PDB file of N, CA and C in Angstrom:
ATOM      1  N   UNK A   1      -1.211   3.595  26.089  1.00  0.00           N
ATOM      2  CA  UNK A   1      -1.243   2.398  25.303  1.00  0.00           C
ATOM      3  C   UNK A   1      -1.891   2.703  23.955  1.00  0.00           C
ATOM      4  N   UNK A   2      -1.233   2.310  22.889  1.00  0.00           N
ATOM      5  CA  UNK A   2      -1.744   2.575  21.549  1.00  0.00           C
ATOM      6  C   UNK A   2      -2.606   1.418  21.066  1.00  0.00           C
ATOM      7  N   UNK A   3      -3.645   1.725  20.291  1.00  0.00           N
ATOM      8  CA  UNK A   3      -4.486   0.646  19.760  1.00  0.00           C
ATOM      9  C   UNK A   3      -3.773  -0.094  18.634  1.00  0.00           C
ATOM     10  N   UNK A   4      -4.168  -1.349  18.408  1.00  0.00           N
ATOM     11  CA  UNK A   4      -3.646  -2.110  17.276  1.00  0.00           C
ATOM     12  C   UNK A   4      -4.301  -1.596  16.000  1.00  0.00           C
ATOM     13  N   UNK A   5      -3.478  -1.299  15.018  1.00  0.00           N
ATOM     14  CA  UNK A   5      -3.964  -0.761  13.751  1.00  0.00           C
ATOM     15  C   UNK A   5      -3.359  -1.591  12.624  1.00  0.00           C
ATOM     16  N   UNK A   6      -4.167  -2.000  11.636  1.00  0.00           N
ATOM     17  CA  UNK A   6      -3.586  -2.725  10.499  1.00  0.00           C
ATOM     18  C   UNK A   6      -2.566  -1.847   9.775  1.00  0.00           C
ATOM     19  N   UNK A   7      -1.457  -2.448   9.372  1.00  0.00           N
ATOM     20  CA  UNK A   7      -0.374  -1.690   8.741  1.00  0.00           C
ATOM     21  C   UNK A   7      -0.843  -0.992   7.469  1.00  0.00           C
ATOM     22  N   UNK A   8      -1.751  -1.616   6.714  1.00  0.00           N
ATOM     23  CA  UNK A   8      -2.257  -0.994   5.493  1.00  0.00           C
ATOM     24  C   UNK A   8      -2.999   0.303   5.814  1.00  0.00           C
ATOM     25  N   UNK A   9      -3.810   0.279   6.867  1.00  0.00           N
ATOM     26  CA  UNK A   9      -4.541   1.480   7.271  1.00  0.00           C
ATOM     27  C   UNK A   9      -3.583   2.578   7.717  1.00  0.00           C
ATOM     28  N   UNK A  10      -2.536   2.186   8.413  1.00  0.00           N
ATOM     29  CA  UNK A  10      -1.538   3.153   8.859  1.00  0.00           C
ATOM     30  C   UNK A  10      -0.846   3.820   7.674  1.00  0.00           C
ATOM     31  N   UNK A  11      -0.478   3.018   6.665  1.00  0.00           N
ATOM     32  CA  UNK A  11       0.183   3.579   5.480  1.00  0.00           C
ATOM     33  C   UNK A  11      -0.745   4.486   4.687  1.00  0.00           C
ATOM     34  N   UNK A  12      -2.022   4.127   4.589  1.00  0.00           N
ATOM     35  CA  UNK A  12      -2.997   4.972   3.893  1.00  0.00           C
ATOM     36  C   UNK A  12      -3.122   6.310   4.612  1.00  0.00           C
ATOM     37  N   UNK A  13      -3.229   6.266   5.929  1.00  0.00           N
ATOM     38  CA  UNK A  13      -3.364   7.500   6.712  1.00  0.00           C
ATOM     39  C   UNK A  13      -2.095   8.355   6.619  1.00  0.00           C
ATOM     40  N   UNK A  14      -0.928   7.709   6.665  1.00  0.00           N
ATOM     41  CA  UNK A  14       0.329   8.462   6.518  1.00  0.00           C
ATOM     42  C   UNK A  14       0.399   9.152   5.160  1.00  0.00           C
ATOM     43  N   UNK A  15      -0.054   8.458   4.124  1.00  0.00           N
ATOM     44  CA  UNK A  15      -0.037   9.051   2.790  1.00  0.00           C
ATOM     45  C   UNK A  15      -0.995  10.229   2.702  1.00  0.00           C
ATOM     46  N   UNK A  16      -2.136  10.145   3.365  1.00  0.00           N
ATOM     47  CA  UNK A  16      -3.080  11.272   3.358  1.00  0.00           C
ATOM     48  C   UNK A  16      -2.447  12.522   3.972  1.00  0.00           C
ATOM     49  N   UNK A  17      -1.639  12.312   5.010  1.00  0.00           N
ATOM     50  CA  UNK A  17      -1.034  13.462   5.694  1.00  0.00           C
ATOM     51  C   UNK A  17       0.246  13.953   5.027  1.00  0.00           C
ATOM     52  N   UNK A  18       1.026  13.032   4.460  1.00  0.00           N
ATOM     53  CA  UNK A  18       2.334  13.430   3.939  1.00  0.00           C
ATOM     54  C   UNK A  18       2.466  13.329   2.427  1.00  0.00           C
ATOM     55  N   UNK A  19       1.663  12.473   1.796  1.00  0.00           N
ATOM     56  CA  UNK A  19       1.777  12.281   0.346  1.00  0.00           C
ATOM     57  C   UNK A  19       3.024  11.514  -0.062  1.00  0.00           C
ATOM     58  N   UNK A  20       3.546  10.655   0.843  1.00  0.00           N
ATOM     59  CA  UNK A  20       4.820   9.989   0.559  1.00  0.00           C
ATOM     60  C   UNK A  20       4.740   9.033  -0.629  1.00  0.00           C
ATOM     61  N   UNK A  21       3.563   8.494  -0.942  1.00  0.00           N
ATOM     62  CA  UNK A  21       3.458   7.583  -2.081  1.00  0.00           C
ATOM     63  C   UNK A  21       3.650   8.305  -3.417  1.00  0.00           C
ATOM     64  N   UNK A  22       3.457   9.604  -3.437  1.00  0.00           N
ATOM     65  CA  UNK A  22       3.669  10.381  -4.664  1.00  0.00           C
ATOM     66  C   UNK A  22       5.148  10.500  -5.009  1.00  0.00           C
ATOM     67  N   UNK A  23       6.017  10.189  -4.078  1.00  0.00           N
ATOM     68  CA  UNK A  23       7.461  10.268  -4.318  1.00  0.00           C
ATOM     69  C   UNK A  23       7.983   9.068  -5.105  1.00  0.00           C
ATOM     70  N   UNK A  24       7.205   7.985  -5.171  1.00  0.00           N
ATOM     71  CA  UNK A  24       7.615   6.822  -5.954  1.00  0.00           C
ATOM     72  C   UNK A  24       7.389   7.122  -7.427  1.00  0.00           C
ATOM     73  N   UNK A  25       8.390   6.841  -8.237  1.00  0.00           N
ATOM     74  CA  UNK A  25       8.267   7.092  -9.672  1.00  0.00           C
ATOM     75  C   UNK A  25       8.422   5.782 -10.432  1.00  0.00           C
ATOM     76  N   UNK A  26       7.830   5.747 -11.599  1.00  0.00           N
ATOM     77  CA  UNK A  26       7.920   4.568 -12.453  1.00  0.00           C
ATOM     78  C   UNK A  26       9.326   4.496 -13.026  1.00  0.00           C
ATOM     79  N   UNK A  27       9.899   3.305 -13.048  1.00  0.00           N
ATOM     80  CA  UNK A  27      11.267   3.140 -13.542  1.00  0.00           C
ATOM     81  C   UNK A  27      11.403   3.549 -15.001  1.00  0.00           C
ATOM     82  N   UNK A  28      10.342   3.403 -15.765  1.00  0.00           N
ATOM     83  CA  UNK A  28      10.377   3.761 -17.180  1.00  0.00           C
ATOM     84  C   UNK A  28       9.994   5.208 -17.439  1.00  0.00           C
ATOM     85  N   UNK A  29       9.714   5.966 -16.401  1.00  0.00           N
ATOM     86  CA  UNK A  29       9.360   7.365 -16.556  1.00  0.00           C
ATOM     87  C   UNK A  29       7.912   7.592 -16.932  1.00  0.00           C
ATOM     88  N   UNK A  30       7.058   6.601 -16.754  1.00  0.00           N
ATOM     89  CA  UNK A  30       5.648   6.714 -17.099  1.00  0.00           C
ATOM     90  C   UNK A  30       5.000   7.815 -16.263  1.00  0.00           C
ATOM     91  N   UNK A  31       4.275   8.704 -16.896  1.00  0.00           N
ATOM     92  CA  UNK A  31       3.674   9.830 -16.201  1.00  0.00           C
ATOM     93  C   UNK A  31       2.251   9.543 -15.708  1.00  0.00           C
ATOM     94  N   UNK A  32       1.471   8.788 -16.486  1.00  0.00           N
ATOM     95  CA  UNK A  32       0.084   8.513 -16.101  1.00  0.00           C
ATOM     96  C   UNK A  32       0.060   7.548 -14.915  1.00  0.00           C
ATOM     97  N   UNK A  33      -0.781   7.851 -13.933  1.00  0.00           N
ATOM     98  CA  UNK A  33      -0.895   6.994 -12.748  1.00  0.00           C
ATOM     99  C   UNK A  33      -2.279   6.368 -12.728  1.00  0.00           C
ATOM    100  N   UNK A  34      -2.300   5.052 -12.605  1.00  0.00           N
ATOM    101  CA  UNK A  34      -3.586   4.361 -12.550  1.00  0.00           C
ATOM    102  C   UNK A  34      -4.221   4.588 -11.178  1.00  0.00           C
ATOM    103  N   UNK A  35      -5.542   4.472 -11.095  1.00  0.00           N
ATOM    104  CA  UNK A  35      -6.216   4.665  -9.802  1.00  0.00           C
ATOM    105  C   UNK A  35      -5.778   3.648  -8.749  1.00  0.00           C
ATOM    106  N   UNK A  36      -5.318   2.472  -9.177  1.00  0.00           N
ATOM    107  CA  UNK A  36      -4.916   1.435  -8.230  1.00  0.00           C
ATOM    108  C   UNK A  36      -3.447   1.543  -7.830  1.00  0.00           C
ATOM    109  N   UNK A  37      -2.735   2.545  -8.298  1.00  0.00           N
ATOM    110  CA  UNK A  37      -1.298   2.624  -8.041  1.00  0.00           C
ATOM    111  C   UNK A  37      -0.971   2.671  -6.553  1.00  0.00           C
ATOM    112  N   UNK A  38      -1.658   3.508  -5.801  1.00  0.00           N
ATOM    113  CA  UNK A  38      -1.354   3.618  -4.372  1.00  0.00           C
ATOM    114  C   UNK A  38      -1.643   2.308  -3.655  1.00  0.00           C
ATOM    115  N   UNK A  39      -2.739   1.647  -4.017  1.00  0.00           N
ATOM    116  CA  UNK A  39      -3.055   0.350  -3.416  1.00  0.00           C
ATOM    117  C   UNK A  39      -1.950  -0.656  -3.706  1.00  0.00           C
ATOM    118  N   UNK A  40      -1.472  -0.663  -4.954  1.00  0.00           N
ATOM    119  CA  UNK A  40      -0.423  -1.596  -5.340  1.00  0.00           C
ATOM    120  C   UNK A  40       0.900  -1.272  -4.657  1.00  0.00           C
ATOM    121  N   UNK A  41       1.212   0.006  -4.497  1.00  0.00           N
ATOM    122  CA  UNK A  41       2.439   0.396  -3.798  1.00  0.00           C
ATOM    123  C   UNK A  41       2.406  -0.050  -2.339  1.00  0.00           C
ATOM    124  N   UNK A  42       1.255   0.127  -1.700  1.00  0.00           N
ATOM    125  CA  UNK A  42       1.121  -0.291  -0.307  1.00  0.00           C
ATOM    126  C   UNK A  42       1.280  -1.800  -0.201  1.00  0.00           C
ATOM    127  N   UNK A  43       0.690  -2.539  -1.129  1.00  0.00           N
ATOM    128  CA  UNK A  43       0.819  -3.999  -1.120  1.00  0.00           C
ATOM    129  C   UNK A  43       2.276  -4.408  -1.298  1.00  0.00           C
ATOM    130  N   UNK A  44       2.985  -3.745  -2.194  1.00  0.00           N
ATOM    131  CA  UNK A  44       4.409  -4.051  -2.402  1.00  0.00           C
ATOM    132  C   UNK A  44       5.234  -3.732  -1.166  1.00  0.00           C
ATOM    133  N   UNK A  45       4.990  -2.579  -0.561  1.00  0.00           N
ATOM    134  CA  UNK A  45       5.735  -2.202   0.641  1.00  0.00           C
ATOM    135  C   UNK A  45       5.523  -3.207   1.768  1.00  0.00           C
ATOM    136  N   UNK A  46       4.284  -3.615   1.981  1.00  0.00           N
ATOM    137  CA  UNK A  46       3.996  -4.568   3.050  1.00  0.00           C
ATOM    138  C   UNK A  46       4.572  -5.938   2.714  1.00  0.00           C
ATOM    139  N   UNK A  47       4.362  -6.392   1.491  1.00  0.00           N
ATOM    140  CA  UNK A  47       4.838  -7.707   1.092  1.00  0.00           C
ATOM    141  C   UNK A  47       6.343  -7.847   1.186  1.00  0.00           C
ATOM    142  N   UNK A  48       7.052  -6.846   0.721  1.00  0.00           N
ATOM    143  CA  UNK A  48       8.508  -6.919   0.732  1.00  0.00           C
ATOM    144  C   UNK A  48       9.097  -6.665   2.119  1.00  0.00           C
ATOM    145  N   UNK A  49       8.451  -5.818   2.908  1.00  0.00           N
ATOM    146  CA  UNK A  49       9.004  -5.513   4.231  1.00  0.00           C
ATOM    147  C   UNK A  49       8.724  -6.622   5.250  1.00  0.00           C
ATOM    148  N   UNK A  50       7.718  -7.440   5.012  1.00  0.00           N
ATOM    149  CA  UNK A  50       7.399  -8.512   5.947  1.00  0.00           C
ATOM    150  C   UNK A  50       7.884  -9.871   5.457  1.00  0.00           C
ATOM    151  N   UNK A  51       8.605  -9.897   4.357  1.00  0.00           N
ATOM    152  CA  UNK A  51       9.102 -11.132   3.747  1.00  0.00           C
ATOM    153  C   UNK A  51       7.991 -12.072   3.298  1.00  0.00           C
ATOM    154  N   UNK A  52       6.768 -11.553   3.138  1.00  0.00           N
ATOM    155  CA  UNK A  52       5.690 -12.350   2.558  1.00  0.00           C
ATOM    156  C   UNK A  52       5.896 -12.457   1.049  1.00  0.00           C
ATOM    157  N   UNK A  53       6.520 -11.440   0.512  1.00  0.00           N
ATOM    158  CA  UNK A  53       6.709 -11.395  -0.929  1.00  0.00           C
ATOM    159  C   UNK A  53       5.435 -10.969  -1.639  1.00  0.00           C
ATOM    160  N   UNK A  54       5.562 -10.686  -2.911  1.00  0.00           N
ATOM    161  CA  UNK A  54       4.404 -10.238  -3.680  1.00  0.00           C
ATOM    162  C   UNK A  54       3.410 -11.372  -3.882  1.00  0.00           C
ATOM    163  N   UNK A  55       3.902 -12.586  -4.046  1.00  0.00           N
ATOM    164  CA  UNK A  55       3.006 -13.730  -4.208  1.00  0.00           C
ATOM    165  C   UNK A  55       2.182 -13.935  -2.939  1.00  0.00           C
ATOM    166  N   UNK A  56       2.816 -13.819  -1.798  1.00  0.00           N
ATOM    167  CA  UNK A  56       2.112 -13.973  -0.529  1.00  0.00           C
ATOM    168  C   UNK A  56       1.037 -12.919  -0.331  1.00  0.00           C
ATOM    169  N   UNK A  57       1.301 -11.705  -0.755  1.00  0.00           N
ATOM    170  CA  UNK A  57       0.304 -10.647  -0.643  1.00  0.00           C
ATOM    171  C   UNK A  57      -0.891 -10.930  -1.550  1.00  0.00           C
ATOM    172  N   UNK A  58      -0.631 -11.509  -2.703  1.00  0.00           N
ATOM    173  CA  UNK A  58      -1.718 -11.847  -3.614  1.00  0.00           C
ATOM    174  C   UNK A  58      -2.605 -12.947  -3.071  1.00  0.00           C
ATOM    175  N   UNK A  59      -2.062 -13.772  -2.198  1.00  0.00           N
ATOM    176  CA  UNK A  59      -2.833 -14.865  -1.620  1.00  0.00           C
ATOM    177  C   UNK A  59      -3.642 -14.442  -0.403  1.00  0.00           C
ATOM    178  N   UNK A  60      -3.407 -13.254   0.125  1.00  0.00           N
ATOM    179  CA  UNK A  60      -4.087 -12.788   1.330  1.00  0.00           C
ATOM    180  C   UNK A  60      -5.355 -12.028   0.952  1.00  0.00           C
ATOM    181  N   UNK A  61      -6.535 -12.686   0.938  1.00  0.00           N
ATOM    182  CA  UNK A  61      -7.762 -11.992   0.527  1.00  0.00           C
ATOM    183  C   UNK A  61      -8.170 -10.894   1.506  1.00  0.00           C
ATOM    184  N   UNK A  62      -7.748 -10.987   2.762  1.00  0.00           N
ATOM    185  CA  UNK A  62      -8.093  -9.967   3.738  1.00  0.00           C
ATOM    186  C   UNK A  62      -7.426  -8.629   3.473  1.00  0.00           C
ATOM    187  N   UNK A  63      -6.311  -8.636   2.757  1.00  0.00           N
ATOM    188  CA  UNK A  63      -5.616  -7.375   2.485  1.00  0.00           C
ATOM    189  C   UNK A  63      -6.384  -6.497   1.518  1.00  0.00           C
ATOM    190  N   UNK A  64      -7.081  -7.094   0.587  1.00  0.00           N
ATOM    191  CA  UNK A  64      -7.667  -6.342  -0.525  1.00  0.00           C
ATOM    192  C   UNK A  64      -9.048  -5.799  -0.230  1.00  0.00           C
ATOM    193  N   UNK A  65      -9.472  -5.714   1.025  1.00  0.00           N
ATOM    194  CA  UNK A  65     -10.783  -5.162   1.330  1.00  0.00           C
ATOM    195  C   UNK A  65     -10.722  -3.633   1.277  1.00  0.00           C
ATOM    196  N   UNK A  66     -11.782  -2.991   0.765  1.00  0.00           N
ATOM    197  CA  UNK A  66     -11.780  -1.526   0.672  1.00  0.00           C
ATOM    198  C   UNK A  66     -11.600  -0.836   2.019  1.00  0.00           C
ATOM    199  N   UNK A  67     -12.157  -1.411   3.081  1.00  0.00           N
ATOM    200  CA  UNK A  67     -12.040  -0.791   4.404  1.00  0.00           C
ATOM    201  C   UNK A  67     -10.597  -0.722   4.847  1.00  0.00           C
ATOM    202  N   UNK A  68      -9.840  -1.757   4.542  1.00  0.00           N
ATOM    203  CA  UNK A  68      -8.452  -1.817   4.960  1.00  0.00           C
ATOM    204  C   UNK A  68      -7.572  -0.867   4.176  1.00  0.00           C
ATOM    205  N   UNK A  69      -7.961  -0.599   2.934  1.00  0.00           N
ATOM    206  CA  UNK A  69      -7.147   0.250   2.075  1.00  0.00           C
ATOM    207  C   UNK A  69      -7.660   1.675   2.005  1.00  0.00           C
ATOM    208  N   UNK A  70      -8.642   2.009   2.788  1.00  0.00           N
ATOM    209  CA  UNK A  70      -9.134   3.378   2.819  1.00  0.00           C
ATOM    210  C   UNK A  70      -9.865   3.808   1.578  1.00  0.00           C
ATOM    211  N   UNK A  71     -10.390   2.874   0.808  1.00  0.00           N
ATOM    212  CA  UNK A  71     -11.094   3.219  -0.436  1.00  0.00           C
ATOM    213  C   UNK A  71     -12.560   3.455  -0.157  1.00  0.00           C
TER     214      UNK A  71
END
């Protein structure tokens, strides 16, 4: 039986092992990456994949805790 894990924590851990978030590129070709980019990518992935949308993710204060995002 597997333990329940928050999806954000799972994505952070997957990125640590595989670096999959580095494969996302800016549509305009921007090279500089802000420190919050990975956090924002994870929020977008969760928001869009769960049909919460980006607005819904912005309304969820529990998502933005450092513990949940591995910061």
